[in-house]
Amino acid sequence: MKEILLKINENGTGMHARPASVFVNCASKFPCEITVVKDDVEVNGKSIMGLMMLALAPGNEFKIQVKGEKEEEALEALSNIVNNDFV
């Protein structure tokens, strides 16, 4: 298992429906398990509703955990999406 700590851009909009959709579309391309953790609450990184439940706002820190096949590739792709404001 690998994980990374990330922060939502302070000047961004947070993870509302569109950014969650972008994240899930990317996460769904990988066969590994992807978990997103904020304040000890864990959700499936391939679930739009789960991600929206975390209410990730600008400036919030969270972890992405990946386990299984293609961990490195998944972690790199997802962290790039977050760091580029979900574009």
Protein backbone atom coordinates (compact mmCIF):
# COMPACT_ATOMS: atom_id res chain seq x y z
CA MET A 1 0.00 0.00 0.00
CA LYS A 2 1.15 3.50 -0.82
CA GLU A 3 -0.28 6.83 0.28
CA ILE A 4 0.22 10.53 -0.17
CA LEU A 5 -0.93 13.58 1.79
CA LEU A 6 -2.41 16.31 -0.41
CA LYS A 7 -4.03 19.70 0.09
CA ILE A 8 -6.90 21.25 -1.85
CA ASN A 9 -5.77 24.53 -3.46
CA GLU A 10 -6.66 27.43 -1.16
CA ASN A 11 -7.77 29.48 -4.17
CA GLY A 12 -9.82 26.65 -5.67
CA THR A 13 -13.40 25.58 -5.24
CA GLY A 14 -12.90 22.38 -3.27
CA MET A 15 -14.16 18.98 -4.34
CA HIS A 16 -17.76 19.54 -5.42
CA ALA A 17 -19.55 17.47 -8.10
CA ARG A 18 -17.38 18.29 -11.14
CA PRO A 19 -13.99 17.82 -9.45
CA ALA A 20 -15.27 14.64 -7.77
CA SER A 21 -16.34 13.36 -11.18
CA VAL A 22 -12.91 14.10 -12.68
CA PHE A 23 -11.22 12.33 -9.75
CA VAL A 24 -13.51 9.27 -9.95
CA ASN A 25 -13.15 8.98 -13.74
CA CYS A 26 -9.37 8.86 -13.31
CA ALA A 27 -9.49 6.51 -10.30
CA SER A 28 -11.79 4.10 -12.13
CA LYS A 29 -9.14 3.50 -14.79
CA PHE A 30 -6.94 1.66 -12.28
CA PRO A 31 -7.49 -1.86 -10.92
CA CYS A 32 -6.16 -1.05 -7.44
CA GLU A 33 -8.23 -0.13 -4.39
CA ILE A 34 -8.27 3.64 -3.88
CA THR A 35 -9.26 5.17 -0.55
CA VAL A 36 -9.53 8.86 0.30
CA VAL A 37 -9.16 9.81 3.98
CA LYS A 38 -10.02 13.08 5.72
CA ASP A 39 -10.12 13.40 9.51
CA ASP A 40 -10.16 9.60 9.98
CA VAL A 41 -13.16 9.22 7.64
CA GLU A 42 -12.37 6.81 4.80
CA VAL A 43 -14.30 6.63 1.53
CA ASN A 44 -13.93 4.72 -1.71
CA GLY A 45 -11.99 6.90 -4.14
CA LYS A 46 -14.10 5.53 -6.99
CA SER A 47 -17.36 6.83 -5.48
CA ILE A 48 -18.56 10.35 -6.31
CA MET A 49 -20.98 10.31 -3.38
CA GLY A 50 -18.25 9.17 -1.01
CA LEU A 51 -15.92 11.96 -2.09
CA MET A 52 -18.63 14.59 -1.83
CA MET A 53 -19.48 13.32 1.66
CA LEU A 54 -15.97 14.33 2.77
CA ALA A 55 -16.81 17.96 1.89
CA LEU A 56 -13.22 18.74 0.91
CA ALA A 57 -12.98 22.53 0.92
CA PRO A 58 -10.15 24.82 -0.18
CA GLY A 59 -7.18 24.37 2.14
CA ASN A 60 -8.27 20.95 3.46
CA GLU A 61 -5.66 18.22 3.72
CA PHE A 62 -6.48 14.61 2.91
CA LYS A 63 -4.76 11.33 2.08
CA ILE A 64 -5.04 9.12 -0.95
CA GLN A 65 -4.23 5.47 -0.25
CA VAL A 66 -3.78 2.95 -3.03
CA LYS A 67 -3.41 -0.80 -2.71
CA GLY A 68 -2.89 -3.34 -5.45
CA GLU A 69 -1.92 -3.42 -9.07
CA LYS A 70 -0.59 -0.17 -10.63
CA GLU A 71 -0.33 1.68 -7.29
CA GLU A 72 2.40 4.04 -8.44
CA GLU A 73 0.61 5.03 -11.64
CA ALA A 74 -2.69 5.62 -9.84
CA LEU A 75 -1.10 7.72 -7.10
CA GLU A 76 0.76 9.85 -9.63
CA ALA A 77 -2.30 10.41 -11.84
CA LEU A 78 -4.61 11.29 -8.93
CA SER A 79 -2.12 13.60 -7.23
CA ASN A 80 -1.59 15.40 -10.56
CA ILE A 81 -5.34 15.93 -10.87
CA VAL A 82 -5.58 17.39 -7.36
CA ASN A 83 -2.48 19.55 -7.78
CA ASN A 84 -3.81 20.91 -11.09
CA ASP A 85 -7.20 21.89 -9.61
CA PHE A 86 -9.05 18.90 -11.10
CA VAL A 87 -8.34 19.84 -14.72
